[in-house]
Every structure is written in C-alpha cells, then in structure tokens.
C-alpha cells in the first residue's frame, strides 16, 4: 500500500526522485480508471468499458480477462500498449486536499523512487518546486479536474437511464 507524504521543502529540499522505468506496479490490474478527456486516445488502443461503482458507472480500460491479470504489462515490466492510462502516468504521485481546500502534491515515500543523490530535484536552488515537479502537479491537477468532469457526465448518463442498459446487457 502506498504511503503518501506531502512534498515540502522542509523534508525534500535535498532529495531527488526518479521517474519509474517499468510498469510492474500495474501487472495485476485487470482494469484501469479513465477520464473522459482521454477516451479518444485510449479507445484507439484499449478496450473501454463502463463498470458500476456504487450507484454510478465509470469508464475503465480493460487490461485483462480475469482478476489479477494485466495483458499490457510484459514480464519485464514494459508497457505493451500504444496508450498508457493517465492513472499510470502519474504513478507514485497524488494530490491531497488540505482542510482549507488547497491541493498539495504528495509522493509515495515507499516507492523506491526517492534518492539523496540520483534523479530529478524536488526543489531548485531558491527553494521553489523544480520544473519537473511543477509539471507533475499540473498533470495531476488536470487529471483531477477531468475526473470530476467524468463523474458529472456519467451521472448525467445515469440520470437518462443509460445505466439500465448496462444492467440489462450484463445480468
């Protein structure tokens, strides 16, 4: 289970992070969540399904035919598909909301991607987030906003009883 901690100059000023080099972390995912904005690219390379989550549906990429199986991750961890879901591209980073409503970038402290010597710096010489960290934060904020839009769209589809079609087809 990931152990996310907020990225802060007080704890990460001298640390670096390495981009993940294999996708073994996803080897047992039979599905991956998608947001509506990535559907045009994803559908060119991956099977798309809408699965129930509680009373609503959410779009996912179908990656395997049985639980615990991802046919898009090679035994050596290479991604075999032509499109990588956004949920994987932000791997080991997450956004958390503070009590006052601000978004904070977090990193999985147990990911093995943190280092004192090798990789990309979290902060520049002036103590500001590095360009690479700003890029990760921007990407995750975009995915977060897209997820909210996806939920609104799926809720609208459900309100028009399109979800009942799924239940009818997959009883």
N, C-alpha and C. Protein backbone atom coordinates (compact mmCIF):
# COMPACT_ATOMS: atom_id res chain seq x y z
N UNK A 1 0.85 -1.18 0.00
CA UNK A 1 0.00 0.00 0.00
C UNK A 1 0.89 1.24 0.00
N UNK A 2 0.63 2.20 -0.87
CA UNK A 2 1.46 3.41 -0.90
C UNK A 2 1.35 4.21 0.39
N UNK A 3 2.44 4.85 0.75
CA UNK A 3 2.47 5.75 1.91
C UNK A 3 2.79 7.14 1.38
N UNK A 4 1.74 7.92 1.10
CA UNK A 4 1.92 9.24 0.51
C UNK A 4 2.25 10.27 1.58
N UNK A 5 3.20 11.14 1.24
CA UNK A 5 3.53 12.26 2.12
C UNK A 5 3.61 13.52 1.27
N UNK A 6 3.18 14.65 1.83
CA UNK A 6 3.23 15.91 1.07
C UNK A 6 4.68 16.27 0.73
N UNK A 7 4.87 16.78 -0.47
CA UNK A 7 6.20 17.24 -0.88
C UNK A 7 6.38 18.63 -0.28
N UNK A 8 7.43 18.77 0.52
CA UNK A 8 7.68 20.04 1.20
C UNK A 8 9.18 20.31 1.22
N UNK A 9 9.55 21.57 1.13
CA UNK A 9 10.96 21.95 1.15
C UNK A 9 11.63 21.49 2.45
N UNK A 10 10.88 21.48 3.54
CA UNK A 10 11.46 21.10 4.83
C UNK A 10 11.90 19.63 4.86
N UNK A 11 11.28 18.77 4.05
CA UNK A 11 11.65 17.35 4.06
C UNK A 11 12.25 16.87 2.76
N UNK A 12 12.04 17.58 1.64
CA UNK A 12 12.51 17.09 0.34
C UNK A 12 13.50 18.03 -0.35
N UNK A 13 13.97 19.06 0.35
CA UNK A 13 14.85 20.06 -0.28
C UNK A 13 16.11 19.44 -0.87
N UNK A 14 16.64 18.43 -0.23
CA UNK A 14 17.89 17.82 -0.72
C UNK A 14 17.65 16.47 -1.40
N UNK A 15 16.39 16.07 -1.51
CA UNK A 15 16.09 14.78 -2.13
C UNK A 15 15.81 14.92 -3.61
N UNK A 16 15.96 13.79 -4.29
CA UNK A 16 15.66 13.69 -5.71
C UNK A 16 14.63 12.57 -5.90
N UNK A 17 14.05 12.54 -7.08
CA UNK A 17 13.12 11.46 -7.42
C UNK A 17 13.46 10.97 -8.81
N UNK A 18 13.19 9.69 -9.00
CA UNK A 18 13.46 9.06 -10.28
C UNK A 18 12.13 8.69 -10.92
N UNK A 19 12.05 8.91 -12.20
CA UNK A 19 10.84 8.50 -12.92
C UNK A 19 10.82 6.98 -12.95
N UNK A 20 9.64 6.40 -12.84
CA UNK A 20 9.57 4.95 -12.85
C UNK A 20 9.98 4.44 -14.23
N UNK A 21 10.63 3.31 -14.26
CA UNK A 21 11.16 2.78 -15.51
C UNK A 21 10.46 1.49 -15.93
N UNK A 22 9.58 0.97 -15.09
CA UNK A 22 8.79 -0.18 -15.54
C UNK A 22 7.41 -0.11 -14.91
N UNK A 23 6.52 -0.88 -15.47
CA UNK A 23 5.11 -0.84 -15.08
C UNK A 23 4.70 -2.07 -14.27
N UNK A 24 5.64 -2.72 -13.62
CA UNK A 24 5.32 -3.91 -12.84
C UNK A 24 4.26 -3.61 -11.77
N UNK A 25 4.19 -2.37 -11.31
CA UNK A 25 3.20 -1.99 -10.31
C UNK A 25 1.77 -2.22 -10.80
N UNK A 26 1.57 -2.28 -12.12
CA UNK A 26 0.24 -2.44 -12.68
C UNK A 26 -0.03 -3.86 -13.19
N UNK A 27 0.89 -4.78 -12.94
CA UNK A 27 0.82 -6.12 -13.53
C UNK A 27 -0.43 -6.90 -13.11
N UNK A 28 -1.05 -6.55 -12.00
CA UNK A 28 -2.23 -7.30 -11.55
C UNK A 28 -3.53 -6.53 -11.74
N UNK A 29 -3.48 -5.40 -12.44
CA UNK A 29 -4.68 -4.60 -12.67
C UNK A 29 -5.41 -5.09 -13.92
N UNK A 30 -6.59 -5.63 -13.76
CA UNK A 30 -7.38 -6.07 -14.90
C UNK A 30 -8.09 -4.89 -15.57
N UNK A 31 -8.29 -3.81 -14.84
CA UNK A 31 -8.87 -2.59 -15.39
C UNK A 31 -8.12 -1.39 -14.83
N UNK A 32 -8.17 -0.29 -15.58
CA UNK A 32 -7.57 0.97 -15.12
C UNK A 32 -8.60 2.07 -15.32
N UNK A 33 -8.77 2.94 -14.33
CA UNK A 33 -9.74 4.03 -14.49
C UNK A 33 -9.32 4.99 -15.59
N UNK A 34 -10.30 5.54 -16.27
CA UNK A 34 -10.06 6.53 -17.32
C UNK A 34 -10.88 7.77 -17.02
N UNK A 35 -10.46 8.88 -17.57
CA UNK A 35 -11.27 10.10 -17.54
C UNK A 35 -11.74 10.37 -18.96
N UNK A 36 -12.84 11.07 -19.07
CA UNK A 36 -13.48 11.26 -20.37
C UNK A 36 -12.54 11.92 -21.39
N UNK A 37 -11.65 12.81 -20.96
CA UNK A 37 -10.79 13.51 -21.88
C UNK A 37 -9.75 12.59 -22.54
N UNK A 38 -9.46 11.44 -21.93
CA UNK A 38 -8.50 10.53 -22.55
C UNK A 38 -9.15 9.44 -23.38
N UNK A 39 -10.48 9.38 -23.38
CA UNK A 39 -11.18 8.33 -24.12
C UNK A 39 -10.86 8.31 -25.62
N UNK A 40 -10.76 9.46 -26.30
CA UNK A 40 -10.45 9.39 -27.74
C UNK A 40 -9.13 8.69 -28.06
N UNK A 41 -8.10 8.93 -27.26
CA UNK A 41 -6.81 8.26 -27.48
C UNK A 41 -6.85 6.81 -26.97
N UNK A 42 -7.43 6.63 -25.81
CA UNK A 42 -7.45 5.30 -25.20
C UNK A 42 -8.20 4.29 -26.06
N UNK A 43 -9.32 4.72 -26.66
CA UNK A 43 -10.13 3.77 -27.42
C UNK A 43 -9.44 3.30 -28.70
N UNK A 44 -8.39 3.96 -29.11
CA UNK A 44 -7.64 3.53 -30.28
C UNK A 44 -6.73 2.34 -29.96
N UNK A 45 -6.47 2.11 -28.66
CA UNK A 45 -5.51 1.08 -28.26
C UNK A 45 -6.03 0.10 -27.22
N UNK A 46 -7.08 0.47 -26.52
CA UNK A 46 -7.56 -0.33 -25.39
C UNK A 46 -9.07 -0.55 -25.49
N UNK A 47 -9.53 -1.68 -24.98
CA UNK A 47 -10.97 -1.90 -24.87
C UNK A 47 -11.48 -1.04 -23.72
N UNK A 48 -12.62 -0.38 -23.94
CA UNK A 48 -13.19 0.52 -22.94
C UNK A 48 -14.50 -0.10 -22.44
N UNK A 49 -14.71 0.00 -21.15
CA UNK A 49 -15.96 -0.47 -20.56
C UNK A 49 -16.41 0.56 -19.54
N UNK A 50 -17.68 0.50 -19.21
CA UNK A 50 -18.23 1.31 -18.12
C UNK A 50 -18.65 0.32 -17.05
N UNK A 51 -18.02 0.42 -15.89
CA UNK A 51 -18.34 -0.52 -14.82
C UNK A 51 -19.03 0.22 -13.67
N UNK A 52 -19.89 -0.50 -12.96
CA UNK A 52 -20.58 0.16 -11.84
C UNK A 52 -19.64 0.41 -10.67
N UNK A 53 -19.79 1.59 -10.10
CA UNK A 53 -19.13 1.95 -8.84
C UNK A 53 -20.21 2.54 -7.97
N UNK A 54 -20.69 1.74 -7.05
CA UNK A 54 -21.83 2.16 -6.26
C UNK A 54 -23.05 2.25 -7.15
N UNK A 55 -23.70 3.41 -7.15
CA UNK A 55 -24.88 3.63 -7.97
C UNK A 55 -24.56 4.22 -9.33
N UNK A 56 -23.29 4.47 -9.61
CA UNK A 56 -22.89 5.13 -10.84
C UNK A 56 -21.95 4.24 -11.64
N UNK A 57 -21.66 4.67 -12.86
CA UNK A 57 -20.73 3.96 -13.72
C UNK A 57 -19.51 4.82 -13.95
N UNK A 58 -18.39 4.17 -14.22
CA UNK A 58 -17.16 4.88 -14.51
C UNK A 58 -16.46 4.20 -15.68
N UNK A 59 -15.81 4.98 -16.55
CA UNK A 59 -15.10 4.37 -17.68
C UNK A 59 -13.77 3.77 -17.22
N UNK A 60 -13.46 2.61 -17.79
CA UNK A 60 -12.19 1.94 -17.48
C UNK A 60 -11.62 1.36 -18.77
N UNK A 61 -10.30 1.18 -18.75
CA UNK A 61 -9.63 0.43 -19.81
C UNK A 61 -9.60 -1.02 -19.35
N UNK A 62 -10.02 -1.92 -20.21
CA UNK A 62 -9.97 -3.35 -19.89
C UNK A 62 -8.58 -3.84 -20.26
N UNK A 63 -7.84 -4.30 -19.25
CA UNK A 63 -6.44 -4.69 -19.45
C UNK A 63 -6.22 -6.19 -19.35
N UNK A 64 -7.18 -6.89 -18.80
CA UNK A 64 -7.06 -8.34 -18.65
C UNK A 64 -8.43 -8.97 -18.68
N UNK A 65 -8.44 -10.28 -18.83
CA UNK A 65 -9.70 -11.00 -18.95
C UNK A 65 -10.10 -11.70 -17.66
N UNK A 66 -9.23 -11.63 -16.66
CA UNK A 66 -9.56 -12.20 -15.36
C UNK A 66 -8.90 -11.36 -14.27
N UNK A 67 -9.44 -11.40 -13.07
CA UNK A 67 -8.85 -10.61 -11.98
C UNK A 67 -7.38 -10.96 -11.78
N UNK A 68 -6.58 -9.93 -11.51
CA UNK A 68 -5.16 -10.13 -11.26
C UNK A 68 -4.32 -10.28 -12.50
N UNK A 69 -4.90 -10.02 -13.66
CA UNK A 69 -4.17 -10.20 -14.92
C UNK A 69 -4.18 -8.90 -15.73
N UNK A 70 -3.00 -8.44 -16.11
CA UNK A 70 -2.87 -7.28 -16.99
C UNK A 70 -2.07 -7.72 -18.21
N UNK A 71 -2.74 -7.85 -19.34
CA UNK A 71 -2.10 -8.32 -20.56
C UNK A 71 -1.22 -7.26 -21.21
N UNK A 72 -1.22 -6.04 -20.67
CA UNK A 72 -0.44 -4.95 -21.25
C UNK A 72 0.88 -4.72 -20.52
N UNK A 73 1.18 -5.51 -19.52
CA UNK A 73 2.47 -5.41 -18.83
C UNK A 73 3.25 -6.69 -19.09
N UNK A 74 4.41 -6.53 -19.73
CA UNK A 74 5.28 -7.67 -20.03
C UNK A 74 5.93 -8.18 -18.73
N UNK A 75 6.42 -9.41 -18.73
CA UNK A 75 7.08 -9.93 -17.53
C UNK A 75 8.23 -9.06 -17.03
N UNK A 76 8.89 -8.33 -17.93
CA UNK A 76 9.99 -7.45 -17.51
C UNK A 76 9.51 -6.05 -17.13
N UNK A 77 8.18 -5.83 -17.10
CA UNK A 77 7.62 -4.55 -16.68
C UNK A 77 7.36 -3.55 -17.79
N UNK A 78 7.72 -3.88 -19.02
CA UNK A 78 7.45 -2.96 -20.14
C UNK A 78 5.96 -2.85 -20.39
N UNK A 79 5.52 -1.64 -20.76
CA UNK A 79 4.13 -1.43 -21.14
C UNK A 79 4.01 -1.83 -22.60
N UNK A 80 3.06 -2.69 -22.92
CA UNK A 80 2.92 -3.24 -24.27
C UNK A 80 1.88 -2.52 -25.11
N UNK A 81 1.13 -1.63 -24.53
CA UNK A 81 0.07 -0.95 -25.26
C UNK A 81 0.55 0.31 -25.94
N UNK A 82 -0.25 0.79 -26.85
CA UNK A 82 0.05 2.03 -27.55
C UNK A 82 -0.38 3.27 -26.77
N UNK A 83 -1.13 3.08 -25.71
CA UNK A 83 -1.59 4.19 -24.88
C UNK A 83 -1.49 3.78 -23.42
N UNK A 84 -0.95 4.65 -22.60
CA UNK A 84 -0.84 4.40 -21.17
C UNK A 84 -1.86 5.28 -20.45
N UNK A 85 -2.78 4.68 -19.68
CA UNK A 85 -3.79 5.48 -18.96
C UNK A 85 -3.15 6.52 -18.04
N UNK A 86 -3.80 7.65 -17.94
CA UNK A 86 -3.31 8.74 -17.09
C UNK A 86 -3.10 8.28 -15.64
N UNK A 87 -3.93 7.36 -15.19
CA UNK A 87 -3.79 6.86 -13.82
C UNK A 87 -2.41 6.25 -13.59
N UNK A 88 -1.79 5.72 -14.64
CA UNK A 88 -0.45 5.14 -14.52
C UNK A 88 0.64 6.16 -14.79
N UNK A 89 0.37 7.14 -15.62
CA UNK A 89 1.39 8.13 -15.96
C UNK A 89 1.75 9.01 -14.76
N UNK A 90 0.86 9.13 -13.82
CA UNK A 90 1.15 9.90 -12.61
C UNK A 90 1.63 9.02 -11.47
N UNK A 91 2.03 7.81 -11.79
CA UNK A 91 2.39 6.80 -10.80
C UNK A 91 3.32 7.33 -9.71
N UNK A 92 2.94 7.04 -8.51
CA UNK A 92 3.64 7.35 -7.26
C UNK A 92 3.54 8.80 -6.82
N UNK A 93 2.72 9.56 -7.52
CA UNK A 93 2.39 10.91 -7.07
C UNK A 93 0.87 10.98 -6.92
N UNK A 94 0.42 11.84 -6.04
CA UNK A 94 -1.01 12.03 -5.82
C UNK A 94 -1.26 13.44 -5.34
N UNK A 95 -2.49 13.87 -5.48
CA UNK A 95 -2.90 15.17 -4.95
C UNK A 95 -3.78 14.93 -3.74
N UNK A 96 -3.50 15.69 -2.70
CA UNK A 96 -4.34 15.64 -1.49
C UNK A 96 -4.91 17.04 -1.26
N UNK A 97 -6.08 17.09 -0.69
CA UNK A 97 -6.70 18.36 -0.35
C UNK A 97 -6.46 18.67 1.11
N UNK A 98 -6.02 19.88 1.39
CA UNK A 98 -5.81 20.30 2.77
C UNK A 98 -7.16 20.73 3.35
N UNK A 99 -7.26 20.84 4.68
CA UNK A 99 -8.53 21.26 5.28
C UNK A 99 -9.03 22.61 4.77
N UNK A 100 -8.11 23.49 4.33
CA UNK A 100 -8.54 24.80 3.82
C UNK A 100 -8.81 24.79 2.31
N UNK A 101 -8.84 23.58 1.71
CA UNK A 101 -9.23 23.46 0.31
C UNK A 101 -8.11 23.57 -0.72
N UNK A 102 -6.88 23.68 -0.27
CA UNK A 102 -5.77 23.75 -1.22
C UNK A 102 -5.33 22.35 -1.62
N UNK A 103 -4.78 22.25 -2.83
CA UNK A 103 -4.26 20.97 -3.30
C UNK A 103 -2.76 20.92 -3.06
N UNK A 104 -2.31 19.75 -2.54
CA UNK A 104 -0.91 19.56 -2.22
C UNK A 104 -0.42 18.32 -2.97
N UNK A 105 0.75 18.44 -3.59
CA UNK A 105 1.34 17.31 -4.28
C UNK A 105 2.01 16.39 -3.26
N UNK A 106 1.73 15.09 -3.37
CA UNK A 106 2.30 14.10 -2.47
C UNK A 106 3.06 13.05 -3.28
N UNK A 107 3.99 12.39 -2.63
CA UNK A 107 4.76 11.32 -3.26
C UNK A 107 4.71 10.09 -2.35
N UNK A 108 4.74 8.93 -2.96
CA UNK A 108 4.78 7.68 -2.20
C UNK A 108 6.18 7.51 -1.65
N UNK A 109 6.32 7.67 -0.36
CA UNK A 109 7.63 7.61 0.28
C UNK A 109 8.24 6.22 0.24
N UNK A 110 7.43 5.19 0.03
CA UNK A 110 7.93 3.81 -0.01
C UNK A 110 8.09 3.29 -1.44
N UNK A 111 8.03 4.16 -2.43
CA UNK A 111 8.04 3.73 -3.83
C UNK A 111 9.39 3.24 -4.31
N UNK A 112 10.47 3.60 -3.62
CA UNK A 112 11.80 3.26 -4.10
C UNK A 112 12.30 4.24 -5.14
N UNK A 113 11.54 5.28 -5.41
CA UNK A 113 11.92 6.26 -6.43
C UNK A 113 12.58 7.51 -5.83
N UNK A 114 12.67 7.58 -4.51
CA UNK A 114 13.31 8.72 -3.86
C UNK A 114 14.78 8.41 -3.60
N UNK A 115 15.60 9.46 -3.71
CA UNK A 115 17.04 9.27 -3.55
C UNK A 115 17.65 10.55 -2.99
N UNK A 116 18.77 10.40 -2.32
CA UNK A 116 19.51 11.57 -1.85
C UNK A 116 20.52 12.05 -2.88
N UNK A 117 20.77 11.22 -3.91
CA UNK A 117 21.84 11.55 -4.85
C UNK A 117 21.46 11.53 -6.32
N UNK A 118 20.56 10.64 -6.72
CA UNK A 118 20.30 10.46 -8.15
C UNK A 118 18.86 10.83 -8.50
N UNK A 119 18.68 11.40 -9.68
CA UNK A 119 17.35 11.71 -10.17
C UNK A 119 17.12 13.19 -10.33
N UNK A 120 15.85 13.57 -10.36
CA UNK A 120 15.46 14.96 -10.54
C UNK A 120 15.19 15.59 -9.17
N UNK A 121 15.65 16.81 -9.01
CA UNK A 121 15.46 17.50 -7.74
C UNK A 121 14.00 17.87 -7.54
N UNK A 122 13.56 17.82 -6.30
CA UNK A 122 12.22 18.28 -5.97
C UNK A 122 12.16 19.81 -5.99
N UNK A 123 13.26 20.44 -5.56
CA UNK A 123 13.29 21.90 -5.43
C UNK A 123 14.55 22.46 -6.09
N UNK A 124 14.44 23.70 -6.58
CA UNK A 124 15.60 24.36 -7.18
C UNK A 124 16.43 25.03 -6.09
N UNK A 125 17.47 25.75 -6.52
CA UNK A 125 18.39 26.39 -5.57
C UNK A 125 17.71 27.47 -4.72
N UNK A 126 16.62 28.06 -5.22
CA UNK A 126 15.90 29.09 -4.48
C UNK A 126 14.83 28.50 -3.56
N UNK A 127 14.74 27.17 -3.49
CA UNK A 127 13.75 26.54 -2.64
C UNK A 127 12.37 26.46 -3.25
N UNK A 128 12.27 26.73 -4.55
CA UNK A 128 10.99 26.63 -5.26
C UNK A 128 10.86 25.26 -5.90
N UNK A 129 9.65 24.76 -6.09
CA UNK A 129 9.48 23.48 -6.76
C UNK A 129 10.16 23.50 -8.14
N UNK A 130 10.84 22.41 -8.45
CA UNK A 130 11.55 22.32 -9.73
C UNK A 130 10.54 22.28 -10.89
N UNK A 131 10.98 22.59 -12.11
CA UNK A 131 10.07 22.50 -13.26
C UNK A 131 9.44 21.11 -13.41
N UNK A 132 10.21 20.06 -13.16
CA UNK A 132 9.66 18.70 -13.28
C UNK A 132 8.55 18.46 -12.27
N UNK A 133 8.71 18.93 -11.05
CA UNK A 133 7.68 18.79 -10.02
C UNK A 133 6.45 19.62 -10.38
N UNK A 134 6.68 20.83 -10.92
CA UNK A 134 5.54 21.65 -11.37
C UNK A 134 4.77 20.95 -12.48
N UNK A 135 5.50 20.27 -13.38
CA UNK A 135 4.84 19.53 -14.47
C UNK A 135 3.97 18.39 -13.92
N UNK A 136 4.51 17.66 -12.93
CA UNK A 136 3.74 16.56 -12.33
C UNK A 136 2.48 17.11 -11.66
N UNK A 137 2.63 18.20 -10.91
CA UNK A 137 1.49 18.81 -10.23
C UNK A 137 0.44 19.27 -11.24
N UNK A 138 0.88 19.92 -12.30
CA UNK A 138 -0.05 20.38 -13.33
C UNK A 138 -0.79 19.21 -13.97
N UNK A 139 -0.06 18.15 -14.29
CA UNK A 139 -0.68 16.96 -14.88
C UNK A 139 -1.73 16.37 -13.95
N UNK A 140 -1.39 16.20 -12.68
CA UNK A 140 -2.33 15.60 -11.73
C UNK A 140 -3.53 16.51 -11.46
N UNK A 141 -3.33 17.82 -11.47
CA UNK A 141 -4.46 18.73 -11.30
C UNK A 141 -5.41 18.62 -12.49
N UNK A 142 -4.84 18.48 -13.69
CA UNK A 142 -5.66 18.31 -14.88
C UNK A 142 -6.45 17.00 -14.81
N UNK A 143 -5.80 15.91 -14.40
CA UNK A 143 -6.50 14.63 -14.28
C UNK A 143 -7.59 14.72 -13.22
N UNK A 144 -7.29 15.39 -12.11
CA UNK A 144 -8.27 15.56 -11.03
C UNK A 144 -9.51 16.32 -11.55
N UNK A 145 -9.29 17.40 -12.28
CA UNK A 145 -10.40 18.16 -12.85
C UNK A 145 -11.16 17.32 -13.88
N UNK A 146 -10.42 16.55 -14.68
CA UNK A 146 -11.05 15.69 -15.67
C UNK A 146 -11.87 14.59 -15.02
N UNK A 147 -11.41 14.09 -13.88
CA UNK A 147 -12.17 13.05 -13.17
C UNK A 147 -13.50 13.62 -12.68
N UNK A 148 -13.48 14.85 -12.19
CA UNK A 148 -14.73 15.49 -11.75
C UNK A 148 -15.68 15.65 -12.93
N UNK A 149 -15.15 16.06 -14.09
CA UNK A 149 -16.00 16.19 -15.29
C UNK A 149 -16.54 14.83 -15.72
N UNK A 150 -15.72 13.80 -15.62
CA UNK A 150 -16.14 12.45 -15.98
C UNK A 150 -17.28 12.00 -15.08
N UNK A 151 -17.18 12.26 -13.79
CA UNK A 151 -18.24 11.89 -12.86
C UNK A 151 -19.54 12.61 -13.19
N UNK A 152 -19.44 13.88 -13.55
CA UNK A 152 -20.65 14.64 -13.92
C UNK A 152 -21.29 14.05 -15.18
N UNK A 153 -20.48 13.71 -16.17
CA UNK A 153 -21.00 13.13 -17.41
C UNK A 153 -21.65 11.78 -17.15
N UNK A 154 -20.97 10.94 -16.37
CA UNK A 154 -21.54 9.62 -16.06
C UNK A 154 -22.82 9.74 -15.25
N UNK A 155 -22.89 10.71 -14.36
CA UNK A 155 -24.11 10.95 -13.60
C UNK A 155 -25.25 11.38 -14.53
N UNK A 156 -24.93 12.24 -15.51
CA UNK A 156 -25.95 12.67 -16.48
C UNK A 156 -26.43 11.48 -17.31
N UNK A 157 -25.52 10.62 -17.72
CA UNK A 157 -25.92 9.42 -18.47
C UNK A 157 -26.81 8.52 -17.63
N UNK A 158 -26.44 8.37 -16.37
CA UNK A 158 -27.22 7.54 -15.46
C UNK A 158 -28.62 8.13 -15.26
N UNK A 159 -28.70 9.45 -15.17
CA UNK A 159 -29.99 10.11 -14.99
C UNK A 159 -30.91 9.88 -16.18
N UNK A 160 -30.33 9.65 -17.31
CA UNK A 160 -31.12 9.38 -18.51
C UNK A 160 -31.35 7.88 -18.70
N UNK A 161 -31.08 7.15 -17.63
CA UNK A 161 -31.32 5.71 -17.55
C UNK A 161 -30.49 4.89 -18.52
N UNK A 162 -29.37 5.44 -18.98
CA UNK A 162 -28.50 4.66 -19.85
C UNK A 162 -27.79 3.56 -19.06
N UNK A 163 -27.68 3.76 -17.76
CA UNK A 163 -27.09 2.73 -16.93
C UNK A 163 -27.92 1.46 -16.89
N UNK A 164 -29.24 1.59 -17.03
CA UNK A 164 -30.10 0.41 -17.03
C UNK A 164 -29.80 -0.49 -18.22
N UNK A 165 -29.36 0.11 -19.33
CA UNK A 165 -28.97 -0.69 -20.49
C UNK A 165 -27.80 -1.60 -20.12
N UNK A 166 -26.84 -1.07 -19.39
CA UNK A 166 -25.68 -1.89 -18.97
C UNK A 166 -26.14 -3.03 -18.08
N UNK A 167 -27.03 -2.71 -17.12
CA UNK A 167 -27.51 -3.76 -16.21
C UNK A 167 -28.27 -4.83 -16.98
N UNK A 168 -29.04 -4.42 -17.98
CA UNK A 168 -29.80 -5.37 -18.80
C UNK A 168 -28.86 -6.27 -19.61
N UNK A 169 -27.83 -5.68 -20.19
CA UNK A 169 -26.90 -6.45 -21.02
C UNK A 169 -26.01 -7.39 -20.23
N UNK A 170 -25.68 -7.03 -18.99
CA UNK A 170 -24.70 -7.81 -18.24
C UNK A 170 -25.26 -8.45 -16.98
N UNK A 171 -26.49 -8.91 -17.06
CA UNK A 171 -27.09 -9.63 -15.91
C UNK A 171 -26.44 -10.96 -15.73
